[in-house]
Each structure stands twice: as structure tokens, then as C-alpha cells.
Amino acid sequence: MIKLIVSDLDGTLLSYHKGLLERDKEAILHAVGKGTEFSVASGRMDVEIKEVMGMIGATGHRISQNGSFVYSKDEERIYGHVFSKNDVLDLYQFLISTDAPLTIFSENQGFVNDASRIKSVYMSRLFFPIELDTNLINSIQKGLEVSKISVNSHQTEWLKQIQAKIEGQFSSIADSFISDPECLDIMPKAINKGKGVKAIMDAYHLQPEEIMCIGDSYNDISMFQLTPHSYVMSQADEEVKGYAAHEVNYVYEALEALHK
């Protein structure tokens, strides 16, 4: 019996323009009404996940920023993890040397150092405004806690080149994922969605066969590896599909499988 459903947001539950399919919403509420817990695991901030939960009309556990923060449905923080000051300064200085368009995230706030970034298409996809900070290095030195760095580009291959450089030079302090065709997320070492889901499983004594995970991108692979009930969206890259047990076009198709 499935006791916990964990869904990614962008490209899975949410469309590119933050849209939520009514049939997906109905399927989630039906599952919750039958006693199955619903949770979200996303690269987005926790405040954004709460916004989507409100759109659905459900409450649940929340895994934000690819596993940096995990909250229970009762608002208990299960854990939170950020970069050390020295590590994030090293990463930030390297990335600005490549002219990469960056967004720096604390738990519930994003920052850019270039005003032109605030009106970008990527920023329009966020539920909360990004702040301009023209001296991010100073802010980090003064104690700004950074949990994620995102690099954005319409050129996925260029993002993969940046990812290769991160993996080559910073593999001891950071992991990176193509979380979206236009976004590379850089995370503290060994932080991922799978670790967040596992923390919830441990806290609530859930077994792999009692959870279902749904996603579409490389940052969802660590979730897929936790359970035989893994579902990947049909538009995902073939490499990502190779890690999931099932393929669906919509979230509701995966949830309907609960009742067959």
C-alpha cells in the first residue's frame, strides 16, 4: 500500500508558466482523501512549495531546494543544510569569472547582482520576487547563508559545460544537477531530493514499497532510486527515464495507478 506520494514541481506538477492541471489537483485530493500523504520535492524555495500546496488545497511534507531543507506536514524542520561561507565564496567567485547568470538562494529568498536579471523569463516563473544585491560577496561575508546557486541559460549544452567544470574543480564541496533544460542547480555536497525523501521515510517509518515518487529531471533520479514505485514524465531525457520504473504523461496517471 502506498502511504506517501512525492512529486516534483516544474515539468511534473507545474507547467512552464506555473500552471496546475485541474485533473492532477483532483487526483491528489482524491488520494489524500483516501489517507495517502502527499509531499513535494522541488528545487524551489519552501515558500514557493507552500504556495503550490495552497493552490492544490492540501498540506504535506516539503523538500525544498533539492533537499537542502525538509519540513514535516506539521511544520517541524527535519533538517536544513547550507554551504559553508568559504565554500560558497569560492564557488561564487569562480562562477562570476565565467560570466554565468547567477541566482543565489538562502532558504526563502533569492538574490541576483545584476538588475537586468530581475525581469528575465526565468524570474517570471518564480512565485516570489528576487532581490537585487550588487555586493553579494560582502553579504555572504557578513553571514548570508546560501543553500543553492542556480545558473540559467537557454543553452543546455553550455550549462552542461559549466556543470563539468564544477564537477572537476569543486567535487569535494558541491554537487550539481540540470534541474530544468534552462537551469543548473549547484548544491552543498551530498544534498539531494533522495536524501530529503529518505529523511521523511525514516521519521515516519516508511518502507520503499510504501512510497511513490514522480519527477522529470536529473535532480529526481535520487528519488527514483529509493522505491520501485518511481514514475517519470514522458518528456524527460532518455537518461532520466532509465532510472524510473514507469513512464506517464501526467501526474494523475501515476496516481490513478494507486487504485488499479
C-alpha atoms as a PDB file:
ATOM      1  CA  MET A   1       0.000   0.000   0.000  1.00  0.00           C
ATOM      2  CA  ILE A   2       1.294   3.454  -0.942  1.00  0.00           C
ATOM      3  CA  LYS A   3       1.351   5.714   2.107  1.00  0.00           C
ATOM      4  CA  LEU A   4       3.339   8.647   0.671  1.00  0.00           C
ATOM      5  CA  ILE A   5       3.338  10.321  -2.753  1.00  0.00           C
ATOM      6  CA  VAL A   6       6.276  12.623  -3.505  1.00  0.00           C
ATOM      7  CA  SER A   7       6.058  14.848  -6.571  1.00  0.00           C
ATOM      8  CA  ASP A   8       8.450  17.219  -8.267  1.00  0.00           C
ATOM      9  CA  LEU A   9       7.003  20.578  -9.368  1.00  0.00           C
ATOM     10  CA  ASP A  10       8.436  22.127 -12.549  1.00  0.00           C
ATOM     11  CA  GLY A  11       7.923  19.932 -15.576  1.00  0.00           C
ATOM     12  CA  THR A  12       5.946  17.459 -13.473  1.00  0.00           C
ATOM     13  CA  LEU A  13       3.131  19.046 -11.491  1.00  0.00           C
ATOM     14  CA  LEU A  14       3.618  22.597 -12.765  1.00  0.00           C
ATOM     15  CA  SER A  15       3.782  23.785 -16.365  1.00  0.00           C
ATOM     16  CA  TYR A  16       6.469  26.198 -17.567  1.00  0.00           C
ATOM     17  CA  HIS A  17       4.206  29.127 -16.644  1.00  0.00           C
ATOM     18  CA  LYS A  18       3.311  27.871 -13.140  1.00  0.00           C
ATOM     19  CA  GLY A  19       0.071  26.279 -14.321  1.00  0.00           C
ATOM     20  CA  LEU A  20      -1.500  23.406 -12.382  1.00  0.00           C
ATOM     21  CA  LEU A  21      -3.633  20.882 -14.256  1.00  0.00           C
ATOM     22  CA  GLU A  22      -7.082  20.574 -12.675  1.00  0.00           C
ATOM     23  CA  ARG A  23      -7.137  16.807 -13.185  1.00  0.00           C
ATOM     24  CA  ASP A  24      -3.804  16.484 -11.339  1.00  0.00           C
ATOM     25  CA  LYS A  25      -5.195  18.540  -8.472  1.00  0.00           C
ATOM     26  CA  GLU A  26      -8.311  16.365  -8.290  1.00  0.00           C
ATOM     27  CA  ALA A  27      -6.221  13.182  -8.284  1.00  0.00           C
ATOM     28  CA  ILE A  28      -4.037  14.476  -5.451  1.00  0.00           C
ATOM     29  CA  LEU A  29      -7.023  15.468  -3.330  1.00  0.00           C
ATOM     30  CA  HIS A  30      -8.655  12.110  -4.014  1.00  0.00           C
ATOM     31  CA  ALA A  31      -5.518  10.270  -2.847  1.00  0.00           C
ATOM     32  CA  VAL A  32      -5.288  12.463   0.263  1.00  0.00           C
ATOM     33  CA  GLY A  33      -8.953  11.801   0.978  1.00  0.00           C
ATOM     34  CA  LYS A  34      -8.212   8.080   0.890  1.00  0.00           C
ATOM     35  CA  GLY A  35      -5.489   8.524   3.527  1.00  0.00           C
ATOM     36  CA  THR A  36      -2.330   8.780   1.387  1.00  0.00           C
ATOM     37  CA  GLU A  37       0.090  11.570   2.312  1.00  0.00           C
ATOM     38  CA  PHE A  38       1.114  13.996  -0.457  1.00  0.00           C
ATOM     39  CA  SER A  39       4.505  15.718  -0.454  1.00  0.00           C
ATOM     40  CA  VAL A  40       6.525  17.945  -2.765  1.00  0.00           C
ATOM     41  CA  ALA A  41      10.243  17.717  -3.523  1.00  0.00           C
ATOM     42  CA  SER A  42      11.461  20.636  -5.602  1.00  0.00           C
ATOM     43  CA  GLY A  43      14.398  22.858  -6.420  1.00  0.00           C
ATOM     44  CA  ARG A  44      12.139  25.769  -5.487  1.00  0.00           C
ATOM     45  CA  MET A  45      12.157  27.595  -2.145  1.00  0.00           C
ATOM     46  CA  ASP A  46       9.954  26.399   0.695  1.00  0.00           C
ATOM     47  CA  VAL A  47       7.719  29.482   0.459  1.00  0.00           C
ATOM     48  CA  GLU A  48       7.026  28.579  -3.175  1.00  0.00           C
ATOM     49  CA  ILE A  49       6.147  24.996  -2.279  1.00  0.00           C
ATOM     50  CA  LYS A  50       3.706  26.336   0.311  1.00  0.00           C
ATOM     51  CA  GLU A  51       2.159  28.494  -2.422  1.00  0.00           C
ATOM     52  CA  VAL A  52       1.600  25.443  -4.630  1.00  0.00           C
ATOM     53  CA  MET A  53       0.223  23.433  -1.711  1.00  0.00           C
ATOM     54  CA  GLY A  54      -2.270  26.250  -1.222  1.00  0.00           C
ATOM     55  CA  MET A  55      -3.229  26.101  -4.908  1.00  0.00           C
ATOM     56  CA  ILE A  56      -3.909  22.380  -4.505  1.00  0.00           C
ATOM     57  CA  GLY A  57      -5.681  22.752  -1.174  1.00  0.00           C
ATOM     58  CA  ALA A  58      -3.505  20.154   0.539  1.00  0.00           C
ATOM     59  CA  THR A  59      -0.874  20.065   3.245  1.00  0.00           C
ATOM     60  CA  GLY A  60       2.104  17.752   3.381  1.00  0.00           C
ATOM     61  CA  HIS A  61       5.806  17.305   3.903  1.00  0.00           C
ATOM     62  CA  ARG A  62       8.043  19.666   1.920  1.00  0.00           C
ATOM     63  CA  ILE A  63      11.508  19.120   0.480  1.00  0.00           C
ATOM     64  CA  SER A  64      12.858  22.381  -0.916  1.00  0.00           C
ATOM     65  CA  GLN A  65      15.937  23.436  -2.862  1.00  0.00           C
ATOM     66  CA  ASN A  66      16.687  19.880  -3.981  1.00  0.00           C
ATOM     67  CA  GLY A  67      16.901  18.591  -0.427  1.00  0.00           C
ATOM     68  CA  SER A  68      18.570  21.471   1.406  1.00  0.00           C
ATOM     69  CA  PHE A  69      15.528  21.876   3.664  1.00  0.00           C
ATOM     70  CA  VAL A  70      12.957  19.334   4.795  1.00  0.00           C
ATOM     71  CA  TYR A  71       9.781  20.170   6.732  1.00  0.00           C
ATOM     72  CA  SER A  72       7.126  17.814   8.012  1.00  0.00           C
ATOM     73  CA  LYS A  73       3.430  18.405   7.375  1.00  0.00           C
ATOM     74  CA  ASP A  74       3.299  19.651  10.992  1.00  0.00           C
ATOM     75  CA  GLU A  75       5.858  22.406  10.227  1.00  0.00           C
ATOM     76  CA  GLU A  76       8.687  20.663  12.062  1.00  0.00           C
ATOM     77  CA  ARG A  77      12.028  21.214  10.361  1.00  0.00           C
ATOM     78  CA  ILE A  78      13.527  17.769   9.892  1.00  0.00           C
ATOM     79  CA  TYR A  79      16.783  19.289   8.712  1.00  0.00           C
ATOM     80  CA  GLY A  80      18.392  22.209   6.916  1.00  0.00           C
ATOM     81  CA  HIS A  81      21.769  22.405   5.207  1.00  0.00           C
ATOM     82  CA  VAL A  82      23.722  25.305   3.655  1.00  0.00           C
ATOM     83  CA  PHE A  83      27.167  25.902   2.168  1.00  0.00           C
ATOM     84  CA  SER A  84      29.986  26.973   4.438  1.00  0.00           C
ATOM     85  CA  LYS A  85      30.978  30.604   3.947  1.00  0.00           C
ATOM     86  CA  ASN A  86      34.356  29.729   2.399  1.00  0.00           C
ATOM     87  CA  ASP A  87      32.864  27.156   0.037  1.00  0.00           C
ATOM     88  CA  VAL A  88      30.174  29.451  -1.317  1.00  0.00           C
ATOM     89  CA  LEU A  89      32.649  32.303  -1.767  1.00  0.00           C
ATOM     90  CA  ASP A  90      34.943  30.035  -3.780  1.00  0.00           C
ATOM     91  CA  LEU A  91      32.056  28.833  -5.944  1.00  0.00           C
ATOM     92  CA  TYR A  92      30.601  32.302  -6.421  1.00  0.00           C
ATOM     93  CA  GLN A  93      33.910  33.867  -7.434  1.00  0.00           C
ATOM     94  CA  PHE A  94      34.554  31.058  -9.905  1.00  0.00           C
ATOM     95  CA  LEU A  95      31.110  31.352 -11.466  1.00  0.00           C
ATOM     96  CA  ILE A  96      31.187  35.129 -11.896  1.00  0.00           C
ATOM     97  CA  SER A  97      34.545  34.706 -13.665  1.00  0.00           C
ATOM     98  CA  THR A  98      32.674  32.692 -16.324  1.00  0.00           C
ATOM     99  CA  ASP A  99      30.034  35.447 -16.741  1.00  0.00           C
ATOM    100  CA  ALA A 100      27.384  32.913 -15.778  1.00  0.00           C
ATOM    101  CA  PRO A 101      23.954  34.462 -14.990  1.00  0.00           C
ATOM    102  CA  LEU A 102      23.539  33.512 -11.330  1.00  0.00           C
ATOM    103  CA  THR A 103      20.866  33.464  -8.682  1.00  0.00           C
ATOM    104  CA  ILE A 104      21.958  32.891  -5.080  1.00  0.00           C
ATOM    105  CA  PHE A 105      19.395  31.371  -2.706  1.00  0.00           C
ATOM    106  CA  SER A 106      19.022  31.428   1.041  1.00  0.00           C
ATOM    107  CA  GLU A 107      16.181  29.345   2.487  1.00  0.00           C
ATOM    108  CA  ASN A 108      13.351  31.608   1.369  1.00  0.00           C
ATOM    109  CA  GLN A 109      14.935  34.382  -0.668  1.00  0.00           C
ATOM    110  CA  GLY A 110      16.784  34.659  -3.958  1.00  0.00           C
ATOM    111  CA  PHE A 111      19.382  37.281  -4.891  1.00  0.00           C
ATOM    112  CA  VAL A 112      20.974  38.496  -8.127  1.00  0.00           C
ATOM    113  CA  ASN A 113      23.767  41.023  -8.624  1.00  0.00           C
ATOM    114  CA  ASP A 114      22.506  42.313 -11.981  1.00  0.00           C
ATOM    115  CA  ALA A 115      19.268  44.312 -12.272  1.00  0.00           C
ATOM    116  CA  SER A 116      18.634  43.008 -15.791  1.00  0.00           C
ATOM    117  CA  ARG A 117      18.171  39.505 -14.346  1.00  0.00           C
ATOM    118  CA  ILE A 118      15.142  40.511 -12.290  1.00  0.00           C
ATOM    119  CA  LYS A 119      12.934  40.840 -15.372  1.00  0.00           C
ATOM    120  CA  SER A 120      14.192  37.710 -17.102  1.00  0.00           C
ATOM    121  CA  VAL A 121      11.825  34.968 -18.239  1.00  0.00           C
ATOM    122  CA  TYR A 122      13.301  32.658 -15.602  1.00  0.00           C
ATOM    123  CA  MET A 123      12.419  35.088 -12.820  1.00  0.00           C
ATOM    124  CA  SER A 124       8.839  35.317 -14.090  1.00  0.00           C
ATOM    125  CA  ARG A 125       8.480  31.624 -13.265  1.00  0.00           C
ATOM    126  CA  LEU A 126       9.101  32.211  -9.551  1.00  0.00           C
ATOM    127  CA  PHE A 127       6.256  32.800  -7.112  1.00  0.00           C
ATOM    128  CA  PHE A 128       8.162  35.421  -5.095  1.00  0.00           C
ATOM    129  CA  PRO A 129      10.332  38.334  -6.266  1.00  0.00           C
ATOM    130  CA  ILE A 130      14.104  38.118  -6.381  1.00  0.00           C
ATOM    131  CA  GLU A 131      16.130  40.822  -4.640  1.00  0.00           C
ATOM    132  CA  LEU A 132      18.930  42.835  -6.192  1.00  0.00           C
ATOM    133  CA  ASP A 133      22.200  42.827  -4.219  1.00  0.00           C
ATOM    134  CA  THR A 134      25.091  44.416  -6.096  1.00  0.00           C
ATOM    135  CA  ASN A 135      27.616  43.268  -3.477  1.00  0.00           C
ATOM    136  CA  LEU A 136      26.735  39.652  -2.825  1.00  0.00           C
ATOM    137  CA  ILE A 137      30.277  38.799  -1.770  1.00  0.00           C
ATOM    138  CA  ASN A 138      30.003  41.309   1.056  1.00  0.00           C
ATOM    139  CA  SER A 139      26.599  39.923   2.074  1.00  0.00           C
ATOM    140  CA  ILE A 140      27.996  36.379   2.185  1.00  0.00           C
ATOM    141  CA  GLN A 141      30.967  37.526   4.212  1.00  0.00           C
ATOM    142  CA  LYS A 142      28.565  39.174   6.661  1.00  0.00           C
ATOM    143  CA  GLY A 143      26.613  35.964   7.170  1.00  0.00           C
ATOM    144  CA  LEU A 144      24.145  35.424   4.336  1.00  0.00           C
ATOM    145  CA  GLU A 145      23.511  31.665   4.395  1.00  0.00           C
ATOM    146  CA  VAL A 146      23.496  30.192   0.883  1.00  0.00           C
ATOM    147  CA  SER A 147      21.756  26.892   0.241  1.00  0.00           C
ATOM    148  CA  LYS A 148      21.717  26.824  -3.574  1.00  0.00           C
ATOM    149  CA  ILE A 149      23.266  28.570  -6.568  1.00  0.00           C
ATOM    150  CA  SER A 150      21.411  28.464  -9.892  1.00  0.00           C
ATOM    151  CA  VAL A 151      22.919  29.163 -13.296  1.00  0.00           C
ATOM    152  CA  ASN A 152      20.418  29.936 -16.063  1.00  0.00           C
ATOM    153  CA  SER A 153      20.753  29.796 -19.817  1.00  0.00           C
ATOM    154  CA  HIS A 154      18.691  28.881 -22.863  1.00  0.00           C
ATOM    155  CA  GLN A 155      21.692  26.804 -23.959  1.00  0.00           C
ATOM    156  CA  THR A 156      21.528  23.471 -22.157  1.00  0.00           C
ATOM    157  CA  GLU A 157      24.860  22.363 -23.604  1.00  0.00           C
ATOM    158  CA  TRP A 158      26.570  25.435 -22.153  1.00  0.00           C
ATOM    159  CA  LEU A 159      25.053  24.625 -18.759  1.00  0.00           C
ATOM    160  CA  LYS A 160      26.492  21.122 -19.071  1.00  0.00           C
ATOM    161  CA  GLN A 161      29.918  22.643 -19.735  1.00  0.00           C
ATOM    162  CA  ILE A 162      29.648  24.725 -16.561  1.00  0.00           C
ATOM    163  CA  GLN A 163      28.495  21.608 -14.721  1.00  0.00           C
ATOM    164  CA  ALA A 164      31.566  19.705 -15.925  1.00  0.00           C
ATOM    165  CA  LYS A 165      33.813  22.486 -14.607  1.00  0.00           C
ATOM    166  CA  ILE A 166      32.044  22.441 -11.227  1.00  0.00           C
ATOM    167  CA  GLU A 167      32.405  18.676 -11.028  1.00  0.00           C
ATOM    168  CA  GLY A 168      36.065  18.956 -11.946  1.00  0.00           C
ATOM    169  CA  GLN A 169      37.087  21.754  -9.589  1.00  0.00           C
ATOM    170  CA  PHE A 170      34.597  21.603  -6.721  1.00  0.00           C
ATOM    171  CA  SER A 171      33.577  17.953  -6.442  1.00  0.00           C
ATOM    172  CA  SER A 172      34.601  17.814  -2.776  1.00  0.00           C
ATOM    173  CA  ILE A 173      32.211  20.603  -1.725  1.00  0.00           C
ATOM    174  CA  ALA A 174      29.348  20.643  -4.231  1.00  0.00           C
ATOM    175  CA  ASP A 175      27.037  18.550  -6.366  1.00  0.00           C
ATOM    176  CA  SER A 176      25.231  19.867  -9.431  1.00  0.00           C
ATOM    177  CA  PHE A 177      22.108  18.900 -11.366  1.00  0.00           C
ATOM    178  CA  ILE A 178      20.440  20.014 -14.575  1.00  0.00           C
ATOM    179  CA  SER A 179      17.083  20.564 -12.875  1.00  0.00           C
ATOM    180  CA  ASP A 180      15.450  22.108 -15.939  1.00  0.00           C
ATOM    181  CA  PRO A 181      16.629  22.489 -19.579  1.00  0.00           C
ATOM    182  CA  GLU A 182      17.465  26.118 -18.713  1.00  0.00           C
ATOM    183  CA  CYS A 183      18.757  25.707 -15.163  1.00  0.00           C
ATOM    184  CA  LEU A 184      21.810  24.213 -13.477  1.00  0.00           C
ATOM    185  CA  ASP A 185      21.486  23.914  -9.693  1.00  0.00           C
ATOM    186  CA  ILE A 186      24.621  23.738  -7.535  1.00  0.00           C
ATOM    187  CA  MET A 187      24.115  22.258  -4.089  1.00  0.00           C
ATOM    188  CA  PRO A 188      26.171  21.505  -0.972  1.00  0.00           C
ATOM    189  CA  LYS A 189      27.870  18.116  -1.261  1.00  0.00           C
ATOM    190  CA  ALA A 190      25.629  15.045  -0.775  1.00  0.00           C
ATOM    191  CA  ILE A 191      22.424  17.091  -0.596  1.00  0.00           C
ATOM    192  CA  ASN A 192      19.706  15.893  -2.957  1.00  0.00           C
ATOM    193  CA  LYS A 193      15.999  15.121  -3.120  1.00  0.00           C
ATOM    194  CA  GLY A 194      16.592  11.465  -2.341  1.00  0.00           C
ATOM    195  CA  LYS A 195      18.226  12.350   0.958  1.00  0.00           C
ATOM    196  CA  GLY A 196      15.241  14.553   1.782  1.00  0.00           C
ATOM    197  CA  VAL A 197      12.746  11.800   0.969  1.00  0.00           C
ATOM    198  CA  LYS A 198      14.793   9.311   2.985  1.00  0.00           C
ATOM    199  CA  ALA A 199      14.689  11.674   5.987  1.00  0.00           C
ATOM    200  CA  ILE A 200      10.882  11.675   5.797  1.00  0.00           C
ATOM    201  CA  MET A 201      10.815   7.898   5.383  1.00  0.00           C
ATOM    202  CA  ASP A 202      12.964   7.497   8.497  1.00  0.00           C
ATOM    203  CA  ALA A 203      10.926   9.990  10.518  1.00  0.00           C
ATOM    204  CA  TYR A 204       7.651   8.253   9.667  1.00  0.00           C
ATOM    205  CA  HIS A 205       8.966   4.663   9.469  1.00  0.00           C
ATOM    206  CA  LEU A 206       8.091   4.178   5.798  1.00  0.00           C
ATOM    207  CA  GLN A 207       9.417   1.384   3.611  1.00  0.00           C
ATOM    208  CA  PRO A 208      10.473   1.770  -0.056  1.00  0.00           C
ATOM    209  CA  GLU A 209       7.382  -0.075  -1.289  1.00  0.00           C
ATOM    210  CA  GLU A 210       5.162   2.359   0.647  1.00  0.00           C
ATOM    211  CA  ILE A 211       6.212   5.475  -1.282  1.00  0.00           C
ATOM    212  CA  MET A 212       5.694   6.738  -4.828  1.00  0.00           C
ATOM    213  CA  CYS A 213       7.986   9.326  -6.451  1.00  0.00           C
ATOM    214  CA  ILE A 214       7.170  11.329  -9.584  1.00  0.00           C
ATOM    215  CA  GLY A 215       9.601  13.586 -11.480  1.00  0.00           C
ATOM    216  CA  ASP A 216      11.098  14.575 -14.786  1.00  0.00           C
ATOM    217  CA  SER A 217      14.716  15.640 -14.416  1.00  0.00           C
ATOM    218  CA  TYR A 218      18.191  14.722 -13.268  1.00  0.00           C
ATOM    219  CA  ASN A 219      17.587  16.042  -9.769  1.00  0.00           C
ATOM    220  CA  ASP A 220      14.769  13.487  -9.419  1.00  0.00           C
ATOM    221  CA  ILE A 221      16.956  10.442 -10.027  1.00  0.00           C
ATOM    222  CA  SER A 222      17.952  10.189  -6.362  1.00  0.00           C
ATOM    223  CA  MET A 223      14.231   9.863  -5.506  1.00  0.00           C
ATOM    224  CA  PHE A 224      13.621   7.235  -8.168  1.00  0.00           C
ATOM    225  CA  GLN A 225      16.364   5.102  -6.674  1.00  0.00           C
ATOM    226  CA  LEU A 226      14.504   4.833  -3.348  1.00  0.00           C
ATOM    227  CA  THR A 227      11.389   2.977  -4.455  1.00  0.00           C
ATOM    228  CA  PRO A 228      10.043   0.508  -7.008  1.00  0.00           C
ATOM    229  CA  HIS A 229       7.143   2.941  -7.491  1.00  0.00           C
ATOM    230  CA  SER A 230       9.018   5.580  -9.494  1.00  0.00           C
ATOM    231  CA  TYR A 231       7.291   7.499 -12.292  1.00  0.00           C
ATOM    232  CA  VAL A 232       8.987   9.694 -14.876  1.00  0.00           C
ATOM    233  CA  MET A 233       7.309  12.204 -17.171  1.00  0.00           C
ATOM    234  CA  SER A 234       7.274  11.311 -20.858  1.00  0.00           C
ATOM    235  CA  GLN A 235       9.100  14.495 -21.905  1.00  0.00           C
ATOM    236  CA  ALA A 236      12.133  13.688 -19.718  1.00  0.00           C
ATOM    237  CA  ASP A 237      15.565  12.974 -21.160  1.00  0.00           C
ATOM    238  CA  GLU A 238      16.137   9.340 -22.037  1.00  0.00           C
ATOM    239  CA  GLU A 239      18.903   9.078 -19.443  1.00  0.00           C
ATOM    240  CA  VAL A 240      16.495  10.186 -16.696  1.00  0.00           C
ATOM    241  CA  LYS A 241      13.848   7.750 -17.923  1.00  0.00           C
ATOM    242  CA  GLY A 242      16.323   4.913 -17.435  1.00  0.00           C
ATOM    243  CA  TYR A 243      16.147   5.350 -13.662  1.00  0.00           C
ATOM    244  CA  ALA A 244      12.352   5.157 -13.312  1.00  0.00           C
ATOM    245  CA  ALA A 245      10.134   2.081 -13.330  1.00  0.00           C
ATOM    246  CA  HIS A 246       7.177   3.709 -15.106  1.00  0.00           C
ATOM    247  CA  GLU A 247       6.549   6.498 -17.613  1.00  0.00           C
ATOM    248  CA  VAL A 248       3.489   8.791 -17.611  1.00  0.00           C
ATOM    249  CA  ASN A 249       2.277  11.881 -19.430  1.00  0.00           C
ATOM    250  CA  TYR A 250       0.587  13.440 -16.407  1.00  0.00           C
ATOM    251  CA  VAL A 251       0.764  13.175 -12.624  1.00  0.00           C
ATOM    252  CA  TYR A 252      -2.836  11.972 -12.425  1.00  0.00           C
ATOM    253  CA  GLU A 253      -1.921   8.902 -14.483  1.00  0.00           C
ATOM    254  CA  ALA A 254       0.567   7.850 -11.806  1.00  0.00           C
ATOM    255  CA  LEU A 255      -1.944   8.471  -9.019  1.00  0.00           C
ATOM    256  CA  GLU A 256      -4.655   6.534 -10.809  1.00  0.00           C
ATOM    257  CA  ALA A 257      -2.302   3.540 -10.722  1.00  0.00           C
ATOM    258  CA  LEU A 258      -2.823   3.539  -6.942  1.00  0.00           C
ATOM    259  CA  HIS A 259      -6.383   2.353  -7.420  1.00  0.00           C
ATOM    260  CA  LYS A 260      -5.823  -0.382 -10.008  1.00  0.00           C
END
